[in-house]
Amino acid sequence: MEINYIKLGDRIRFYRTRAAISQEKLSELIGLSSFQQISNIETGRTSTTLETIVNIAHALNVSVDQLLIDSLPENAQNKNDLNSLLLDCTPEEVSILVENFTDLKKVLSKYQIKE
């Protein structure tokens, strides 16, 4: 898997600003010596280690896959997007969606062209 550092930086910036954390504060939280390092990561000017990505995810209270989703194969990205949507639902909404997905899958299978 090749990491897209531009998109990784975009996601880090998104989650950092959503959490109302400055670059300086994030660098302190993960033990970097300079907020400039966070700036360089967010702009994609520099790559970073897996350890730093894990530390950033932990500090921002997100999963590593939420930061790396743009580097995952498309199928994995679709599954993660669906999982993120389900995590944002109430138990009742999840039940309704699963029921609808099940029905939709049956319809799609019925009309799928056989090779």
N, C-alpha and C. Protein backbone atom coordinates (compact mmCIF):
# COMPACT_ATOMS: atom_id res chain seq x y z
N MET A 1 0.85 -1.18 0.00
CA MET A 1 0.00 0.00 0.00
C MET A 1 0.89 1.24 0.00
N GLU A 2 0.64 2.12 -0.93
CA GLU A 2 1.38 3.38 -1.00
C GLU A 2 0.53 4.47 -0.34
N ILE A 3 1.12 5.19 0.57
CA ILE A 3 0.39 6.23 1.30
C ILE A 3 0.34 7.50 0.46
N ASN A 4 -0.85 8.06 0.32
CA ASN A 4 -1.03 9.35 -0.34
C ASN A 4 -0.88 10.42 0.75
N TYR A 5 0.31 11.00 0.83
CA TYR A 5 0.61 11.93 1.92
C TYR A 5 -0.15 13.26 1.81
N ILE A 6 -0.52 13.64 0.62
CA ILE A 6 -1.33 14.86 0.45
C ILE A 6 -2.71 14.64 1.09
N LYS A 7 -3.34 13.54 0.74
CA LYS A 7 -4.67 13.26 1.30
C LYS A 7 -4.61 12.95 2.78
N LEU A 8 -3.53 12.27 3.22
CA LEU A 8 -3.34 12.03 4.65
C LEU A 8 -3.29 13.36 5.38
N GLY A 9 -2.51 14.29 4.86
CA GLY A 9 -2.41 15.61 5.48
C GLY A 9 -3.73 16.34 5.51
N ASP A 10 -4.52 16.22 4.43
CA ASP A 10 -5.84 16.84 4.39
C ASP A 10 -6.74 16.29 5.50
N ARG A 11 -6.69 14.98 5.67
CA ARG A 11 -7.53 14.35 6.69
C ARG A 11 -7.08 14.73 8.10
N ILE A 12 -5.77 14.77 8.30
CA ILE A 12 -5.27 15.19 9.62
C ILE A 12 -5.73 16.61 9.91
N ARG A 13 -5.60 17.51 8.94
CA ARG A 13 -6.04 18.90 9.12
C ARG A 13 -7.54 18.95 9.42
N PHE A 14 -8.34 18.17 8.66
CA PHE A 14 -9.78 18.15 8.88
C PHE A 14 -10.12 17.75 10.32
N TYR A 15 -9.57 16.62 10.77
CA TYR A 15 -9.89 16.13 12.11
C TYR A 15 -9.29 17.03 13.19
N ARG A 16 -8.14 17.63 12.93
CA ARG A 16 -7.54 18.53 13.91
C ARG A 16 -8.39 19.79 14.08
N THR A 17 -8.82 20.37 12.97
CA THR A 17 -9.64 21.58 13.09
C THR A 17 -11.02 21.26 13.65
N ARG A 18 -11.54 20.09 13.31
CA ARG A 18 -12.84 19.68 13.88
C ARG A 18 -12.74 19.55 15.40
N ALA A 19 -11.57 19.11 15.88
CA ALA A 19 -11.36 18.96 17.32
C ALA A 19 -10.91 20.26 17.97
N ALA A 20 -10.79 21.32 17.17
CA ALA A 20 -10.35 22.64 17.66
C ALA A 20 -9.00 22.56 18.36
N ILE A 21 -8.07 21.84 17.72
CA ILE A 21 -6.72 21.70 18.25
C ILE A 21 -5.77 22.41 17.28
N SER A 22 -4.90 23.24 17.82
CA SER A 22 -3.92 23.93 16.97
C SER A 22 -2.80 22.97 16.58
N GLN A 23 -2.04 23.35 15.58
CA GLN A 23 -0.87 22.55 15.19
C GLN A 23 0.12 22.47 16.35
N GLU A 24 0.27 23.56 17.07
CA GLU A 24 1.17 23.58 18.22
C GLU A 24 0.73 22.57 19.28
N LYS A 25 -0.56 22.57 19.59
CA LYS A 25 -1.09 21.66 20.60
C LYS A 25 -0.95 20.21 20.15
N LEU A 26 -1.25 19.93 18.88
CA LEU A 26 -1.13 18.57 18.38
C LEU A 26 0.32 18.10 18.46
N SER A 27 1.25 18.97 18.10
CA SER A 27 2.66 18.57 18.18
C SER A 27 3.06 18.27 19.62
N GLU A 28 2.54 19.04 20.57
CA GLU A 28 2.81 18.77 21.99
C GLU A 28 2.20 17.43 22.41
N LEU A 29 0.96 17.18 21.98
CA LEU A 29 0.26 15.95 22.37
C LEU A 29 0.98 14.69 21.91
N ILE A 30 1.63 14.77 20.75
CA ILE A 30 2.28 13.57 20.21
C ILE A 30 3.80 13.58 20.37
N GLY A 31 4.31 14.61 21.03
CA GLY A 31 5.73 14.64 21.36
C GLY A 31 6.66 15.06 20.24
N LEU A 32 6.16 15.85 19.30
CA LEU A 32 7.05 16.40 18.27
C LEU A 32 7.66 17.68 18.79
N SER A 33 8.87 17.97 18.34
CA SER A 33 9.58 19.14 18.85
C SER A 33 9.11 20.46 18.26
N SER A 34 8.42 20.40 17.09
CA SER A 34 8.02 21.63 16.43
C SER A 34 6.67 21.47 15.74
N PHE A 35 5.83 22.50 15.84
CA PHE A 35 4.55 22.47 15.14
C PHE A 35 4.77 22.50 13.63
N GLN A 36 5.95 22.95 13.19
CA GLN A 36 6.26 22.98 11.76
C GLN A 36 6.21 21.57 11.17
N GLN A 37 6.53 20.58 11.98
CA GLN A 37 6.46 19.19 11.52
C GLN A 37 5.00 18.82 11.19
N ILE A 38 4.07 19.27 12.00
CA ILE A 38 2.65 19.03 11.74
C ILE A 38 2.25 19.75 10.47
N SER A 39 2.70 20.98 10.32
CA SER A 39 2.40 21.75 9.11
C SER A 39 2.90 21.01 7.87
N ASN A 40 4.13 20.50 7.94
CA ASN A 40 4.70 19.78 6.80
C ASN A 40 3.93 18.49 6.50
N ILE A 41 3.47 17.81 7.53
CA ILE A 41 2.67 16.60 7.33
C ILE A 41 1.32 16.96 6.70
N GLU A 42 0.69 18.01 7.22
CA GLU A 42 -0.63 18.40 6.71
C GLU A 42 -0.59 18.88 5.26
N THR A 43 0.52 19.45 4.85
CA THR A 43 0.61 19.92 3.46
C THR A 43 1.19 18.86 2.53
N GLY A 44 1.60 17.73 3.08
CA GLY A 44 2.16 16.67 2.27
C GLY A 44 3.59 16.93 1.83
N ARG A 45 4.23 17.94 2.42
CA ARG A 45 5.62 18.25 2.06
C ARG A 45 6.59 17.21 2.58
N THR A 46 6.15 16.44 3.56
CA THR A 46 7.02 15.43 4.13
C THR A 46 6.22 14.17 4.44
N SER A 47 6.88 13.06 4.37
CA SER A 47 6.25 11.81 4.78
C SER A 47 6.43 11.69 6.29
N THR A 48 5.82 10.68 6.87
CA THR A 48 5.95 10.49 8.31
C THR A 48 5.93 9.00 8.62
N THR A 49 6.25 8.68 9.84
CA THR A 49 6.30 7.28 10.24
C THR A 49 4.91 6.77 10.64
N LEU A 50 4.78 5.46 10.61
CA LEU A 50 3.53 4.85 11.07
C LEU A 50 3.28 5.19 12.54
N GLU A 51 4.34 5.23 13.32
CA GLU A 51 4.20 5.58 14.74
C GLU A 51 3.60 6.97 14.90
N THR A 52 4.05 7.93 14.11
CA THR A 52 3.51 9.29 14.18
C THR A 52 2.06 9.31 13.74
N ILE A 53 1.72 8.56 12.70
CA ILE A 53 0.33 8.50 12.25
C ILE A 53 -0.56 7.93 13.35
N VAL A 54 -0.10 6.88 13.99
CA VAL A 54 -0.86 6.27 15.10
C VAL A 54 -1.02 7.28 16.23
N ASN A 55 0.05 7.97 16.58
CA ASN A 55 -0.02 8.97 17.65
C ASN A 55 -0.97 10.11 17.31
N ILE A 56 -0.95 10.55 16.06
CA ILE A 56 -1.86 11.62 15.63
C ILE A 56 -3.30 11.14 15.72
N ALA A 57 -3.56 9.92 15.24
CA ALA A 57 -4.92 9.37 15.30
C ALA A 57 -5.40 9.32 16.74
N HIS A 58 -4.54 8.84 17.62
CA HIS A 58 -4.91 8.75 19.04
C HIS A 58 -5.21 10.14 19.62
N ALA A 59 -4.35 11.10 19.32
CA ALA A 59 -4.54 12.46 19.85
C ALA A 59 -5.81 13.11 19.32
N LEU A 60 -6.20 12.76 18.08
CA LEU A 60 -7.40 13.35 17.48
C LEU A 60 -8.65 12.49 17.73
N ASN A 61 -8.47 11.38 18.44
CA ASN A 61 -9.57 10.48 18.78
C ASN A 61 -10.26 9.93 17.52
N VAL A 62 -9.44 9.53 16.55
CA VAL A 62 -9.94 8.89 15.33
C VAL A 62 -9.12 7.62 15.12
N SER A 63 -9.60 6.77 14.23
CA SER A 63 -8.85 5.55 13.94
C SER A 63 -7.80 5.84 12.87
N VAL A 64 -6.79 5.00 12.83
CA VAL A 64 -5.74 5.15 11.82
C VAL A 64 -6.34 5.00 10.42
N ASP A 65 -7.30 4.08 10.27
CA ASP A 65 -7.89 3.92 8.94
C ASP A 65 -8.68 5.14 8.50
N GLN A 66 -9.19 5.93 9.45
CA GLN A 66 -9.85 7.18 9.06
C GLN A 66 -8.85 8.16 8.46
N LEU A 67 -7.62 8.11 8.91
CA LEU A 67 -6.59 8.98 8.35
C LEU A 67 -6.04 8.43 7.04
N LEU A 68 -5.96 7.12 6.92
CA LEU A 68 -5.34 6.49 5.75
C LEU A 68 -6.34 6.02 4.70
N ILE A 69 -7.59 6.30 4.87
CA ILE A 69 -8.63 5.75 3.99
C ILE A 69 -8.37 6.03 2.52
N ASP A 70 -7.79 7.16 2.19
CA ASP A 70 -7.54 7.49 0.78
C ASP A 70 -6.42 6.65 0.18
N SER A 71 -5.67 5.95 1.02
CA SER A 71 -4.59 5.10 0.53
C SER A 71 -5.01 3.64 0.44
N LEU A 72 -6.19 3.32 0.92
CA LEU A 72 -6.68 1.94 0.88
C LEU A 72 -7.25 1.61 -0.49
N PRO A 73 -7.26 0.34 -0.85
CA PRO A 73 -7.93 -0.04 -2.11
C PRO A 73 -9.39 0.39 -2.07
N GLU A 74 -9.97 0.63 -3.24
CA GLU A 74 -11.34 1.17 -3.32
C GLU A 74 -12.35 0.33 -2.53
N ASN A 75 -12.26 -0.99 -2.62
CA ASN A 75 -13.21 -1.85 -1.92
C ASN A 75 -13.14 -1.63 -0.41
N ALA A 76 -11.93 -1.52 0.13
CA ALA A 76 -11.77 -1.28 1.55
C ALA A 76 -12.29 0.10 1.92
N GLN A 77 -12.10 1.07 1.03
CA GLN A 77 -12.59 2.41 1.28
C GLN A 77 -14.11 2.43 1.35
N ASN A 78 -14.76 1.71 0.43
CA ASN A 78 -16.22 1.64 0.45
C ASN A 78 -16.73 1.03 1.74
N LYS A 79 -16.08 -0.04 2.19
CA LYS A 79 -16.48 -0.69 3.43
C LYS A 79 -16.28 0.24 4.61
N ASN A 80 -15.19 0.98 4.62
CA ASN A 80 -14.94 1.90 5.72
C ASN A 80 -15.94 3.05 5.71
N ASP A 81 -16.28 3.56 4.52
CA ASP A 81 -17.27 4.62 4.43
C ASP A 81 -18.62 4.14 4.97
N LEU A 82 -18.99 2.92 4.59
CA LEU A 82 -20.25 2.36 5.08
C LEU A 82 -20.20 2.18 6.59
N ASN A 83 -19.08 1.68 7.09
CA ASN A 83 -18.93 1.51 8.53
C ASN A 83 -19.03 2.85 9.26
N SER A 84 -18.42 3.88 8.71
CA SER A 84 -18.48 5.21 9.33
C SER A 84 -19.92 5.72 9.39
N LEU A 85 -20.67 5.47 8.31
CA LEU A 85 -22.07 5.88 8.31
C LEU A 85 -22.86 5.14 9.38
N LEU A 86 -22.61 3.85 9.49
CA LEU A 86 -23.34 3.06 10.48
C LEU A 86 -22.99 3.47 11.90
N LEU A 87 -21.74 3.84 12.13
CA LEU A 87 -21.33 4.29 13.47
C LEU A 87 -22.03 5.57 13.88
N ASP A 88 -22.49 6.32 12.89
CA ASP A 88 -23.16 7.59 13.16
C ASP A 88 -24.67 7.42 13.36
N CYS A 89 -25.14 6.18 13.34
CA CYS A 89 -26.58 5.91 13.42
C CYS A 89 -26.98 5.42 14.81
N THR A 90 -28.25 5.62 15.11
CA THR A 90 -28.82 5.03 16.31
C THR A 90 -29.03 3.53 16.05
N PRO A 91 -29.20 2.73 17.10
CA PRO A 91 -29.46 1.30 16.88
C PRO A 91 -30.68 1.05 16.00
N GLU A 92 -31.70 1.87 16.15
CA GLU A 92 -32.90 1.72 15.33
C GLU A 92 -32.59 2.01 13.86
N GLU A 93 -31.79 3.05 13.61
CA GLU A 93 -31.42 3.39 12.23
C GLU A 93 -30.57 2.27 11.61
N VAL A 94 -29.67 1.70 12.40
CA VAL A 94 -28.84 0.60 11.90
C VAL A 94 -29.72 -0.57 11.50
N SER A 95 -30.68 -0.89 12.33
CA SER A 95 -31.59 -2.01 12.04
C SER A 95 -32.35 -1.77 10.73
N ILE A 96 -32.84 -0.57 10.55
CA ILE A 96 -33.58 -0.22 9.32
C ILE A 96 -32.65 -0.31 8.11
N LEU A 97 -31.45 0.23 8.22
CA LEU A 97 -30.51 0.21 7.10
C LEU A 97 -30.10 -1.22 6.74
N VAL A 98 -29.82 -2.04 7.73
CA VAL A 98 -29.44 -3.43 7.45
C VAL A 98 -30.57 -4.16 6.75
N GLU A 99 -31.78 -3.94 7.20
CA GLU A 99 -32.95 -4.56 6.55
C GLU A 99 -33.06 -4.09 5.10
N ASN A 100 -32.87 -2.80 4.87
CA ASN A 100 -32.95 -2.26 3.51
C ASN A 100 -31.80 -2.77 2.63
N PHE A 101 -30.60 -2.84 3.19
CA PHE A 101 -29.46 -3.37 2.43
C PHE A 101 -29.71 -4.82 2.04
N THR A 102 -30.26 -5.60 2.96
CA THR A 102 -30.55 -7.00 2.69
C THR A 102 -31.55 -7.13 1.54
N ASP A 103 -32.61 -6.34 1.60
CA ASP A 103 -33.61 -6.36 0.52
C ASP A 103 -33.01 -5.89 -0.81
N LEU A 104 -32.22 -4.85 -0.77
CA LEU A 104 -31.59 -4.33 -1.98
C LEU A 104 -30.64 -5.36 -2.59
N LYS A 105 -29.87 -6.03 -1.74
CA LYS A 105 -28.95 -7.05 -2.24
C LYS A 105 -29.71 -8.18 -2.93
N LYS A 106 -30.86 -8.57 -2.39
CA LYS A 106 -31.68 -9.61 -3.02
C LYS A 106 -32.14 -9.16 -4.41
N VAL A 107 -32.57 -7.91 -4.52
CA VAL A 107 -33.02 -7.38 -5.81
C VAL A 107 -31.86 -7.33 -6.79
N LEU A 108 -30.70 -6.84 -6.34
CA LEU A 108 -29.54 -6.76 -7.22
C LEU A 108 -29.10 -8.15 -7.69
N SER A 109 -29.11 -9.11 -6.79
CA SER A 109 -28.72 -10.48 -7.16
C SER A 109 -29.69 -11.07 -8.17
N LYS A 110 -30.96 -10.77 -8.02
CA LYS A 110 -31.99 -11.32 -8.91
C LYS A 110 -31.81 -10.82 -10.33
N TYR A 111 -31.43 -9.55 -10.48
CA TYR A 111 -31.32 -8.94 -11.80
C TYR A 111 -29.89 -8.84 -12.32
N GLN A 112 -28.97 -9.44 -11.61
CA GLN A 112 -27.58 -9.42 -12.04
C GLN A 112 -27.41 -10.30 -13.28
N ILE A 113 -26.68 -9.79 -14.24
CA ILE A 113 -26.44 -10.53 -15.48
C ILE A 113 -25.47 -11.67 -15.20
N LYS A 114 -25.85 -12.86 -15.62
CA LYS A 114 -25.00 -14.04 -15.44
C LYS A 114 -23.94 -14.06 -16.54
N GLU A 115 -22.70 -14.38 -16.16
CA GLU A 115 -21.63 -14.45 -17.16
C GLU A 115 -21.55 -15.79 -17.80
